[in-house]
Amino acid sequence: MADNEIKKVLLITIDCFRGDHLHYNGYGRKITPTMDMLAKKGSNFFMAFSNGPHTHYSFPSILTSTYPLMFEGPKIGAGRITLAEVMKMLGFKTVGLNSNPFLSEYFGYGKGFDVFNDFLSGERAKKKSTMMVKLRRKFSDKSMLYKFLRFVDKYMAVKKRRTPYVPAEELRSRVIDYLKRYRDEKLFLWAHFMDAHYPYLPSRETMEELGFEDVNDFKKARLFTKMLNAPEKVTPEEVQILINLYDAQIYTVDQEIREIFEYLDENGLLEETLIVITADHGEEFGEHGDFTHRVDRDRPALYNVHIHVPLIFYSGNWEYDDVNKNVSLIDLAPTIVDLVASQKVKKFMGRSLVPLMSKEESDHRAFYSEHEYQESEIVGNIMKERRKAIAYIEYPYKLIYYEGDSSYQLYNFEEDPEERNNLINEPNYQKVALYMKEKIKEHLREIEMSKVRIKMKKLKLA
């Protein structure tokens, strides 16, 4: 950074935003004009990855620079220090705004924030309840009546634009309110936009503005139901409709970011503000046989469509370059602290990305992306133990391990960017596979040791 002190840090995270749907990253559609501008003037990471394919398993890395399966899992508790806590120690007011229940106070995400609003109380929470909650208790989810009523509920939700999150316009308004309130103070503000998350419900005006054919509510409800219940039956034409709706929602968020940027610009705050934009994970549109980023299956996916995300750093006073190397979001919090205070945090497992942005470092970074899943087989009345799914990425290779059946998948990014050709049994790749298997074993040992250390600490405090 130049000599100007950073007095405002705005961390914007966008749920389900695929890295390859940012126009600056090479996406054909110009659906991200604001973020493209920030990427062009700031530093853009073309190959950034989340450390989990689902919100619950990606955010520990984003906000605590730790792996999600360590320290007793994804709940933010003992053993983890949050970025908000560090920023508070550095003299910043801290504000957190999000409406994803996985990022609520219940899971510890309010830790370190002076103001934390997860929008899960009062009337809004009551409105999130639908008739399906009651129906699940009365009817089998295999029954025709249940399926019909579920469709009716989905249709009514689409028709009334009943989303389980705070819309981008409202969240943007809250962000600007806090920027005004703390205009003369140092501020760290995290805002999580949910609009790119299913269900994709852009306005008719947005669809028309982008030149996309609008879709009536009945067709949306039918298509959403089909992609979740029978993904193998979704046609290529229907896939494109879903992508149109998704892209329109990304554009919706982009335009609200533009409003925030314009407020900062008009009020002379850009020079003292660091804006960081990223996502918790991506979204699948049939590339590997499914849709969205579902975890209610036996083998959660860790393909690039699920974990490749945008990562942009911008300030009105910037001197760093773009980066075309593999990195992960475990390095995000250390980078922000480095840019703000040139300090390191002992409990952060990641490393600052500044050396890559300043060209002092030029290598890809190795990292893990991971998840837990529950096998569907029930023994007696007890669901089988949760299993781990772990990907180790060391360019140009990715090895995915599924604990449930002890299986592996090996892919070569350079030769097979879409991850179609599993090389795990290929004779020429056995040396690579053996090396990467050892890396995963080492990581599994670290996961267990981290849990032991927390238990020992609790025993000492008891």
Protein backbone atom coordinates (compact mmCIF):
# COMPACT_ATOMS: atom_id res chain seq x y z
CA MET A 1 0.00 0.00 0.00
CA ALA A 2 0.95 3.61 -0.38
CA ASP A 3 1.40 5.80 2.69
CA ASN A 4 -2.32 6.46 3.30
CA GLU A 5 -3.61 4.70 6.38
CA ILE A 6 -6.46 2.24 5.89
CA LYS A 7 -9.32 3.39 8.11
CA LYS A 8 -12.13 1.37 6.55
CA VAL A 9 -12.06 -2.32 5.62
CA LEU A 10 -15.10 -3.58 3.74
CA LEU A 11 -15.20 -7.37 3.35
CA ILE A 12 -17.94 -8.34 0.89
CA THR A 13 -18.71 -12.05 0.56
CA ILE A 14 -21.19 -13.39 -1.98
CA ASP A 15 -22.83 -16.76 -1.42
CA CYS A 16 -22.47 -19.31 -4.26
CA PHE A 17 -20.50 -16.99 -6.59
CA ARG A 18 -18.46 -19.13 -8.99
CA GLY A 19 -15.03 -17.81 -9.85
CA ASP A 20 -15.54 -18.51 -13.53
CA HIS A 21 -18.65 -16.30 -13.66
CA LEU A 22 -16.66 -13.13 -13.00
CA HIS A 23 -16.27 -11.42 -16.39
CA TYR A 24 -12.74 -10.23 -15.49
CA ASN A 25 -11.81 -13.90 -14.98
CA GLY A 26 -12.79 -14.64 -18.58
CA TYR A 27 -16.55 -15.24 -18.38
CA GLY A 28 -18.20 -14.28 -21.66
CA ARG A 29 -21.14 -12.41 -20.14
CA LYS A 30 -20.61 -8.90 -18.80
CA ILE A 31 -22.62 -9.44 -15.63
CA THR A 32 -20.04 -8.02 -13.19
CA PRO A 33 -19.16 -4.50 -14.41
CA THR A 34 -18.53 -3.07 -10.92
CA MET A 35 -16.44 -5.99 -9.73
CA ASP A 36 -14.55 -5.99 -13.05
CA MET A 37 -13.65 -2.35 -12.47
CA LEU A 38 -12.46 -3.08 -8.93
CA ALA A 39 -10.47 -6.10 -10.16
CA LYS A 40 -8.86 -4.09 -12.95
CA LYS A 41 -7.82 -1.23 -10.66
CA GLY A 42 -6.93 -3.47 -7.72
CA SER A 43 -5.50 -6.98 -7.47
CA ASN A 44 -7.45 -9.93 -8.85
CA PHE A 45 -6.71 -13.56 -8.03
CA PHE A 46 -7.73 -15.63 -11.04
CA MET A 47 -7.35 -18.98 -9.27
CA ALA A 48 -8.62 -18.57 -5.71
CA PHE A 49 -10.32 -21.46 -3.93
CA SER A 50 -12.52 -21.83 -0.88
CA ASN A 51 -11.52 -24.34 1.79
CA GLY A 52 -14.94 -26.00 1.75
CA PRO A 53 -17.80 -26.49 -0.76
CA HIS A 54 -20.52 -25.26 1.60
CA THR A 55 -20.98 -22.13 3.74
CA HIS A 56 -20.69 -24.04 7.00
CA TYR A 57 -17.32 -25.46 5.95
CA SER A 58 -15.82 -22.52 4.08
CA PHE A 59 -16.25 -19.60 6.45
CA PRO A 60 -13.96 -20.81 9.26
CA SER A 61 -11.10 -20.35 6.80
CA ILE A 62 -12.35 -16.94 5.66
CA LEU A 63 -12.88 -15.38 9.08
CA THR A 64 -10.46 -17.36 11.29
CA SER A 65 -7.75 -18.59 8.87
CA THR A 66 -8.15 -22.17 10.10
CA TYR A 67 -9.30 -25.34 8.38
CA PRO A 68 -12.99 -26.14 8.96
CA LEU A 69 -12.50 -29.66 10.36
CA MET A 70 -10.03 -28.52 12.98
CA PHE A 71 -10.79 -27.21 16.48
CA GLU A 72 -13.96 -29.29 16.93
CA GLY A 73 -15.38 -28.51 13.50
CA PRO A 74 -16.95 -25.51 11.77
CA LYS A 75 -18.50 -23.86 14.83
CA ILE A 76 -16.48 -20.79 15.82
CA GLY A 77 -15.41 -21.51 19.36
CA ALA A 78 -12.32 -22.46 21.34
CA GLY A 79 -9.02 -22.52 19.48
CA ARG A 80 -10.00 -19.94 16.92
CA ILE A 81 -9.49 -16.19 16.87
CA THR A 82 -11.66 -14.28 14.41
CA LEU A 83 -10.65 -11.56 12.00
CA ALA A 84 -13.17 -9.32 13.77
CA GLU A 85 -11.39 -9.86 17.11
CA VAL A 86 -8.05 -8.95 15.54
CA MET A 87 -9.47 -5.85 13.86
CA LYS A 88 -11.02 -4.80 17.15
CA MET A 89 -7.61 -5.10 18.84
CA LEU A 90 -6.24 -2.89 16.06
CA GLY A 91 -8.71 -0.15 17.01
CA PHE A 92 -11.49 -0.79 14.48
CA LYS A 93 -15.22 -0.75 15.17
CA THR A 94 -16.51 -4.10 13.91
CA VAL A 95 -19.82 -4.70 12.15
CA GLY A 96 -21.13 -8.00 10.72
CA LEU A 97 -24.23 -8.26 8.50
CA ASN A 98 -25.52 -11.52 7.03
CA SER A 99 -28.71 -13.56 6.74
CA ASN A 100 -27.29 -17.04 6.26
CA PRO A 101 -28.33 -19.23 9.22
CA PHE A 102 -25.01 -21.12 9.02
CA LEU A 103 -23.28 -17.82 9.82
CA SER A 104 -25.50 -16.93 12.75
CA GLU A 105 -24.71 -16.12 16.36
CA TYR A 106 -25.61 -19.72 17.15
CA PHE A 107 -22.50 -20.96 15.29
CA GLY A 108 -20.29 -18.34 16.92
CA TYR A 109 -19.99 -15.90 14.03
CA GLY A 110 -20.80 -12.90 16.20
CA LYS A 111 -17.46 -13.36 17.98
CA GLY A 112 -15.51 -10.11 17.91
CA PHE A 113 -18.21 -7.92 16.39
CA ASP A 114 -19.41 -4.77 18.14
CA VAL A 115 -22.53 -4.96 15.99
CA PHE A 116 -23.70 -8.29 14.59
CA ASN A 117 -26.99 -8.75 12.77
CA ASP A 118 -27.87 -12.21 11.42
CA PHE A 119 -31.50 -11.20 10.79
CA LEU A 120 -32.79 -14.37 12.45
CA SER A 121 -34.96 -12.90 15.19
CA GLY A 122 -38.43 -11.45 15.45
CA GLU A 123 -40.93 -11.29 12.62
CA ARG A 124 -38.47 -12.18 9.88
CA ALA A 125 -37.72 -15.52 11.50
CA LYS A 126 -41.44 -16.26 11.82
CA LYS A 127 -42.00 -15.53 8.14
CA LYS A 128 -39.30 -18.04 7.20
CA SER A 129 -41.49 -20.83 8.54
CA THR A 130 -43.54 -22.46 5.80
CA MET A 131 -46.25 -25.05 5.73
CA MET A 132 -43.68 -27.66 4.66
CA VAL A 133 -42.15 -27.74 8.13
CA LYS A 134 -45.45 -29.01 9.53
CA LEU A 135 -46.17 -31.29 6.58
CA ARG A 136 -42.89 -33.19 6.96
CA ARG A 137 -44.07 -34.36 10.35
CA LYS A 138 -47.35 -35.74 8.97
CA PHE A 139 -46.52 -37.24 5.56
CA SER A 140 -43.76 -39.38 4.11
CA ASP A 141 -41.48 -37.41 1.80
CA LYS A 142 -42.01 -40.22 -0.74
CA SER A 143 -45.77 -39.75 -0.90
CA MET A 144 -47.40 -38.09 -3.92
CA LEU A 145 -49.34 -35.76 -1.64
CA TYR A 146 -46.18 -34.55 0.05
CA LYS A 147 -44.46 -33.97 -3.30
CA PHE A 148 -47.49 -32.09 -4.63
CA LEU A 149 -47.75 -29.88 -1.55
CA ARG A 150 -44.02 -29.26 -1.63
CA PHE A 151 -44.33 -28.07 -5.22
CA VAL A 152 -47.25 -25.81 -4.28
CA ASP A 153 -45.16 -24.35 -1.47
CA LYS A 154 -42.24 -23.79 -3.84
CA TYR A 155 -44.51 -22.17 -6.41
CA MET A 156 -45.99 -19.80 -3.84
CA ALA A 157 -42.52 -18.92 -2.60
CA VAL A 158 -41.43 -18.08 -6.15
CA LYS A 159 -44.62 -16.15 -6.90
CA LYS A 160 -44.34 -14.06 -3.74
CA ARG A 161 -40.53 -13.83 -4.06
CA ARG A 162 -40.29 -15.36 -0.61
CA THR A 163 -36.57 -15.90 -0.18
CA PRO A 164 -34.90 -17.20 2.99
CA TYR A 165 -32.48 -14.27 3.03
CA VAL A 166 -32.27 -10.49 3.16
CA PRO A 167 -32.24 -9.11 -0.42
CA ALA A 168 -29.21 -7.26 -1.76
CA GLU A 169 -30.92 -3.89 -1.82
CA GLU A 170 -31.71 -4.05 1.90
CA LEU A 171 -28.25 -5.29 2.83
CA ARG A 172 -26.60 -2.56 0.77
CA SER A 173 -28.74 0.02 2.56
CA ARG A 174 -27.58 -1.32 5.94
CA VAL A 175 -23.94 -1.21 4.81
CA ILE A 176 -24.21 2.45 3.82
CA ASP A 177 -26.00 3.25 7.09
CA TYR A 178 -23.04 1.89 9.06
CA LEU A 179 -20.53 3.63 6.81
CA LYS A 180 -22.34 6.87 7.65
CA ARG A 181 -22.57 6.07 11.37
CA TYR A 182 -18.86 5.32 11.67
CA ARG A 183 -17.63 7.75 9.05
CA ASP A 184 -15.11 9.36 11.42
CA GLU A 185 -13.95 6.09 13.01
CA LYS A 186 -11.90 3.13 11.90
CA LEU A 187 -14.34 0.47 10.71
CA PHE A 188 -14.19 -3.20 9.74
CA LEU A 189 -17.48 -4.19 8.09
CA TRP A 190 -18.32 -7.66 6.80
CA ALA A 191 -21.43 -8.00 4.60
CA HIS A 192 -22.57 -11.34 3.16
CA PHE A 193 -24.86 -11.18 0.09
CA MET A 194 -27.15 -14.18 -0.44
CA ASP A 195 -28.84 -13.37 -3.75
CA ALA A 196 -26.84 -15.76 -5.95
CA HIS A 197 -28.02 -18.62 -3.74
CA TYR A 198 -30.89 -20.85 -4.86
CA PRO A 199 -33.74 -19.98 -5.39
CA TYR A 200 -32.59 -17.62 -8.15
CA LEU A 201 -35.30 -14.96 -8.34
CA PRO A 202 -34.10 -11.93 -10.28
CA SER A 203 -36.53 -9.16 -11.18
CA ARG A 204 -38.10 -9.05 -14.62
CA GLU A 205 -36.36 -5.71 -15.19
CA THR A 206 -32.95 -7.26 -14.52
CA MET A 207 -33.61 -10.13 -16.92
CA GLU A 208 -34.67 -7.67 -19.63
CA GLU A 209 -31.67 -5.42 -19.00
CA LEU A 210 -29.33 -8.37 -19.55
CA GLY A 211 -31.21 -9.54 -22.63
CA PHE A 212 -32.41 -12.78 -21.01
CA GLU A 213 -35.87 -14.16 -21.65
CA ASP A 214 -37.89 -13.95 -18.46
CA VAL A 215 -39.34 -17.13 -16.96
CA ASN A 216 -42.83 -17.33 -15.49
CA ASP A 217 -43.24 -18.34 -11.85
CA PHE A 218 -44.76 -21.75 -12.56
CA LYS A 219 -41.88 -22.70 -14.85
CA LYS A 220 -39.33 -21.53 -12.28
CA ALA A 221 -40.95 -23.61 -9.53
CA ARG A 222 -41.14 -26.67 -11.81
CA LEU A 223 -37.51 -26.26 -12.89
CA PHE A 224 -36.23 -25.75 -9.34
CA THR A 225 -38.09 -28.88 -8.26
CA LYS A 226 -36.69 -30.86 -11.17
CA MET A 227 -33.07 -29.84 -10.64
CA LEU A 228 -33.23 -30.88 -6.98
CA ASN A 229 -35.29 -34.07 -7.32
CA ALA A 230 -34.26 -35.38 -10.74
CA PRO A 231 -31.04 -33.60 -11.80
CA GLU A 232 -30.32 -36.23 -14.44
CA LYS A 233 -33.50 -35.20 -16.30
CA VAL A 234 -32.68 -31.51 -16.63
CA THR A 235 -32.17 -30.72 -20.32
CA PRO A 236 -29.36 -28.51 -21.71
CA GLU A 237 -31.98 -25.85 -22.52
CA GLU A 238 -33.19 -25.91 -18.92
CA VAL A 239 -29.63 -25.71 -17.63
CA GLN A 240 -29.20 -22.51 -19.63
CA ILE A 241 -32.39 -21.07 -18.12
CA LEU A 242 -31.05 -21.78 -14.63
CA ILE A 243 -27.72 -20.16 -15.49
CA ASN A 244 -29.55 -17.10 -16.85
CA LEU A 245 -31.41 -16.72 -13.56
CA TYR A 246 -28.21 -17.23 -11.57
CA ASP A 247 -26.23 -14.74 -13.67
CA ALA A 248 -28.99 -12.18 -13.28
CA GLN A 249 -28.72 -12.51 -9.51
CA ILE A 250 -24.95 -12.01 -9.66
CA TYR A 251 -25.60 -8.84 -11.67
CA THR A 252 -28.11 -7.75 -9.01
CA VAL A 253 -25.44 -8.00 -6.31
CA ASP A 254 -22.90 -6.26 -8.54
CA GLN A 255 -25.20 -3.27 -8.91
CA GLU A 256 -25.63 -2.96 -5.15
CA ILE A 257 -21.84 -3.05 -4.76
CA ARG A 258 -21.76 -0.19 -7.28
CA GLU A 259 -24.02 1.82 -4.94
CA ILE A 260 -21.62 1.21 -2.04
CA PHE A 261 -18.62 2.17 -4.19
CA GLU A 262 -20.32 5.37 -5.33
CA TYR A 263 -21.11 6.32 -1.73
CA LEU A 264 -17.46 5.86 -0.76
CA ASP A 265 -16.32 7.83 -3.81
CA GLU A 266 -18.76 10.71 -3.36
CA ASN A 267 -17.82 11.08 0.30
CA GLY A 268 -14.07 11.01 -0.20
CA LEU A 269 -13.58 7.67 1.56
CA LEU A 270 -12.00 5.57 -1.20
CA GLU A 271 -8.43 6.56 -0.41
CA GLU A 272 -8.76 5.22 3.12
CA THR A 273 -10.86 2.14 2.32
CA LEU A 274 -9.78 -1.42 1.52
CA ILE A 275 -12.49 -3.37 -0.33
CA VAL A 276 -12.17 -7.16 -0.44
CA ILE A 277 -14.63 -9.24 -2.48
CA THR A 278 -14.87 -13.02 -2.47
CA ALA A 279 -17.33 -15.93 -2.14
CA ASP A 280 -17.77 -18.82 0.23
CA HIS A 281 -18.04 -21.42 -2.56
CA GLY A 282 -19.30 -21.93 -6.10
CA GLU A 283 -22.38 -23.54 -7.64
CA GLU A 284 -22.88 -26.55 -9.90
CA PHE A 285 -25.06 -26.58 -13.01
CA GLY A 286 -24.92 -30.22 -14.00
CA GLU A 287 -21.18 -30.41 -14.76
CA HIS A 288 -20.79 -33.40 -12.44
CA GLY A 289 -24.34 -34.70 -12.40
CA ASP A 290 -25.99 -32.39 -9.88
CA PHE A 291 -27.04 -28.80 -9.18
CA THR A 292 -26.39 -26.11 -6.55
CA HIS A 293 -23.90 -27.17 -3.82
CA ARG A 294 -25.85 -29.85 -2.02
CA VAL A 295 -24.44 -31.68 0.95
CA ASP A 296 -27.41 -34.02 1.49
CA ARG A 297 -25.71 -36.81 -0.42
CA ASP A 298 -23.17 -39.50 0.26
CA ARG A 299 -20.26 -37.90 -1.57
CA PRO A 300 -20.08 -34.09 -1.32
CA ALA A 301 -18.36 -32.64 -4.34
CA LEU A 302 -15.02 -30.81 -4.20
CA TYR A 303 -14.68 -30.03 -7.89
CA ASN A 304 -13.62 -26.60 -9.11
CA VAL A 305 -17.20 -25.59 -9.88
CA HIS A 306 -17.82 -25.90 -6.14
CA ILE A 307 -14.66 -24.31 -4.73
CA HIS A 308 -13.22 -21.91 -7.34
CA VAL A 309 -14.23 -18.41 -6.20
CA PRO A 310 -13.46 -14.77 -7.05
CA LEU A 311 -10.97 -12.86 -4.89
CA ILE A 312 -10.46 -9.11 -5.38
CA PHE A 313 -8.51 -6.57 -3.31
CA TYR A 314 -9.09 -2.90 -4.07
CA SER A 315 -8.21 0.45 -2.60
CA GLY A 316 -8.26 3.93 -4.09
CA ASN A 317 -4.56 4.00 -3.35
CA TRP A 318 -3.19 0.74 -4.78
CA GLU A 319 0.17 -0.50 -6.04
CA TYR A 320 -0.20 -4.29 -6.34
CA ASP A 321 -0.68 -6.63 -9.32
CA ASP A 322 -3.03 -9.41 -10.38
CA VAL A 323 -2.13 -12.97 -9.42
CA ASN A 324 -2.57 -16.04 -11.62
CA LYS A 325 -1.47 -18.62 -9.06
CA ASN A 326 -3.46 -21.11 -6.98
CA VAL A 327 -4.31 -19.71 -3.54
CA SER A 328 -7.01 -20.40 -0.96
CA LEU A 329 -9.15 -18.28 1.33
CA ILE A 330 -7.28 -19.47 4.42
CA ASP A 331 -4.85 -16.69 3.42
CA LEU A 332 -7.51 -13.95 3.27
CA ALA A 333 -7.55 -12.84 6.93
CA PRO A 334 -3.73 -12.73 7.23
CA THR A 335 -3.64 -10.58 4.07
CA ILE A 336 -6.11 -8.05 5.44
CA VAL A 337 -4.16 -7.76 8.73
CA ASP A 338 -0.90 -7.40 6.80
CA LEU A 339 -2.31 -4.63 4.58
CA VAL A 340 -3.83 -2.78 7.53
CA ALA A 341 -1.12 -3.16 10.17
CA SER A 342 1.84 -5.10 8.67
CA GLN A 343 1.39 -7.67 11.43
CA LYS A 344 1.05 -11.44 11.71
CA VAL A 345 -1.43 -13.32 13.89
CA LYS A 346 0.01 -16.41 15.55
CA LYS A 347 -3.25 -18.37 15.52
CA PHE A 348 -3.88 -17.78 11.81
CA MET A 349 -2.82 -20.85 9.81
CA GLY A 350 -2.68 -18.99 6.50
CA ARG A 351 -0.07 -16.59 5.11
CA SER A 352 -0.42 -13.09 3.71
CA LEU A 353 -0.95 -12.90 -0.05
CA VAL A 354 0.92 -9.58 -0.26
CA PRO A 355 4.15 -11.28 -1.45
CA LEU A 356 2.24 -12.69 -4.43
CA MET A 357 0.59 -9.33 -5.20
CA SER A 358 3.95 -7.56 -4.99
CA LYS A 359 5.74 -10.20 -7.12
CA GLU A 360 8.10 -11.08 -4.28
CA GLU A 361 6.69 -14.59 -4.51
CA SER A 362 5.72 -16.44 -7.67
CA ASP A 363 4.75 -19.99 -6.70
CA HIS A 364 1.38 -21.67 -6.49
CA ARG A 365 0.26 -22.36 -2.93
CA ALA A 366 -0.77 -25.80 -1.74
CA PHE A 367 -3.86 -26.16 0.44
CA TYR A 368 -6.83 -28.30 1.47
CA SER A 369 -10.55 -28.00 0.85
CA GLU A 370 -12.74 -30.20 3.01
CA HIS A 371 -16.14 -31.26 4.21
CA GLU A 372 -18.01 -33.79 6.31
CA TYR A 373 -20.88 -35.93 5.10
CA GLN A 374 -23.21 -38.54 6.47
CA GLU A 375 -23.70 -41.84 4.72
CA SER A 376 -27.33 -42.61 3.99
CA GLU A 377 -27.22 -46.15 5.34
CA ILE A 378 -29.00 -46.49 8.68
CA VAL A 379 -27.92 -49.20 11.11
CA GLY A 380 -30.87 -49.88 13.40
CA ASN A 381 -32.14 -46.44 14.33
CA ILE A 382 -28.72 -44.79 14.21
CA MET A 383 -27.33 -42.90 11.23
CA LYS A 384 -23.75 -43.93 10.50
CA GLU A 385 -20.90 -41.74 11.67
CA ARG A 386 -20.08 -38.58 9.75
CA ARG A 387 -17.24 -39.03 7.26
CA LYS A 388 -14.64 -36.65 5.90
CA ALA A 389 -14.15 -35.57 2.31
CA ILE A 390 -10.82 -33.83 1.72
CA ALA A 391 -9.17 -32.40 -1.38
CA TYR A 392 -5.46 -31.61 -1.43
CA ILE A 393 -4.48 -29.14 -4.14
CA GLU A 394 -0.88 -28.71 -5.20
CA TYR A 395 -0.71 -27.35 -8.72
CA PRO A 396 -1.21 -28.86 -11.21
CA TYR A 397 -2.87 -31.70 -9.28
CA LYS A 398 -5.88 -32.21 -7.03
CA LEU A 399 -6.44 -35.37 -5.00
CA ILE A 400 -9.90 -35.93 -3.47
CA TYR A 401 -10.34 -38.44 -0.65
CA TYR A 402 -13.65 -39.87 0.58
CA GLU A 403 -13.38 -41.45 4.01
CA GLY A 404 -16.65 -43.38 3.66
CA ASP A 405 -15.33 -45.87 1.12
CA SER A 406 -11.63 -44.89 1.29
CA SER A 407 -11.70 -43.90 -2.38
CA TYR A 408 -9.59 -41.32 -4.22
CA GLN A 409 -9.89 -39.16 -7.33
CA LEU A 410 -6.86 -37.51 -8.96
CA TYR A 411 -7.07 -34.70 -11.52
CA ASN A 412 -4.57 -32.64 -13.50
CA PHE A 413 -5.61 -28.96 -13.75
CA GLU A 414 -3.44 -28.30 -16.81
CA GLU A 415 -4.58 -31.22 -18.93
CA ASP A 416 -8.11 -31.58 -17.58
CA PRO A 417 -9.48 -28.26 -16.24
CA GLU A 418 -13.05 -29.62 -16.13
CA GLU A 419 -11.95 -32.59 -13.99
CA ARG A 420 -13.41 -35.34 -16.17
CA ASN A 421 -10.51 -37.81 -16.22
CA ASN A 422 -9.75 -39.52 -12.90
CA LEU A 423 -6.06 -40.50 -13.00
CA ILE A 424 -5.91 -42.40 -9.72
CA ASN A 425 -5.32 -45.80 -11.39
CA GLU A 426 -3.07 -44.55 -14.21
CA PRO A 427 0.45 -46.09 -13.93
CA ASN A 428 2.21 -42.83 -14.84
CA TYR A 429 0.60 -40.97 -11.91
CA GLN A 430 1.22 -43.39 -9.05
CA LYS A 431 4.17 -41.40 -7.66
CA VAL A 432 2.09 -38.22 -7.59
CA ALA A 433 -0.86 -40.07 -6.04
CA LEU A 434 1.31 -41.60 -3.30
CA TYR A 435 2.83 -38.22 -2.41
CA MET A 436 -0.58 -36.52 -2.23
CA LYS A 437 -2.11 -39.37 -0.21
CA GLU A 438 0.60 -38.81 2.38
CA LYS A 439 -0.29 -35.11 2.48
CA ILE A 440 -3.92 -35.99 3.22
CA LYS A 441 -2.86 -38.44 5.95
CA GLU A 442 -0.75 -35.71 7.52
CA HIS A 443 -3.72 -33.34 7.44
CA LEU A 444 -6.04 -35.92 9.02
CA ARG A 445 -3.53 -36.32 11.85
CA GLU A 446 -3.44 -32.54 12.30
CA ILE A 447 -7.24 -32.45 12.48
CA GLU A 448 -7.27 -35.02 15.27
CA MET A 449 -4.42 -33.34 17.14
CA SER A 450 -6.17 -29.97 17.03
CA LYS A 451 -9.23 -31.53 18.66
CA VAL A 452 -7.09 -33.21 21.33
CA ARG A 453 -5.40 -29.88 22.15
CA ILE A 454 -8.77 -28.19 22.63
CA LYS A 455 -10.00 -31.00 24.91
CA MET A 456 -6.81 -30.82 26.98
CA LYS A 457 -7.19 -27.07 27.30
CA LYS A 458 -10.76 -27.49 28.50
CA LEU A 459 -9.67 -30.05 31.09
CA LYS A 460 -7.05 -27.64 32.45
CA LEU A 461 -9.66 -24.90 32.75
CA ALA A 462 -12.19 -27.19 34.47
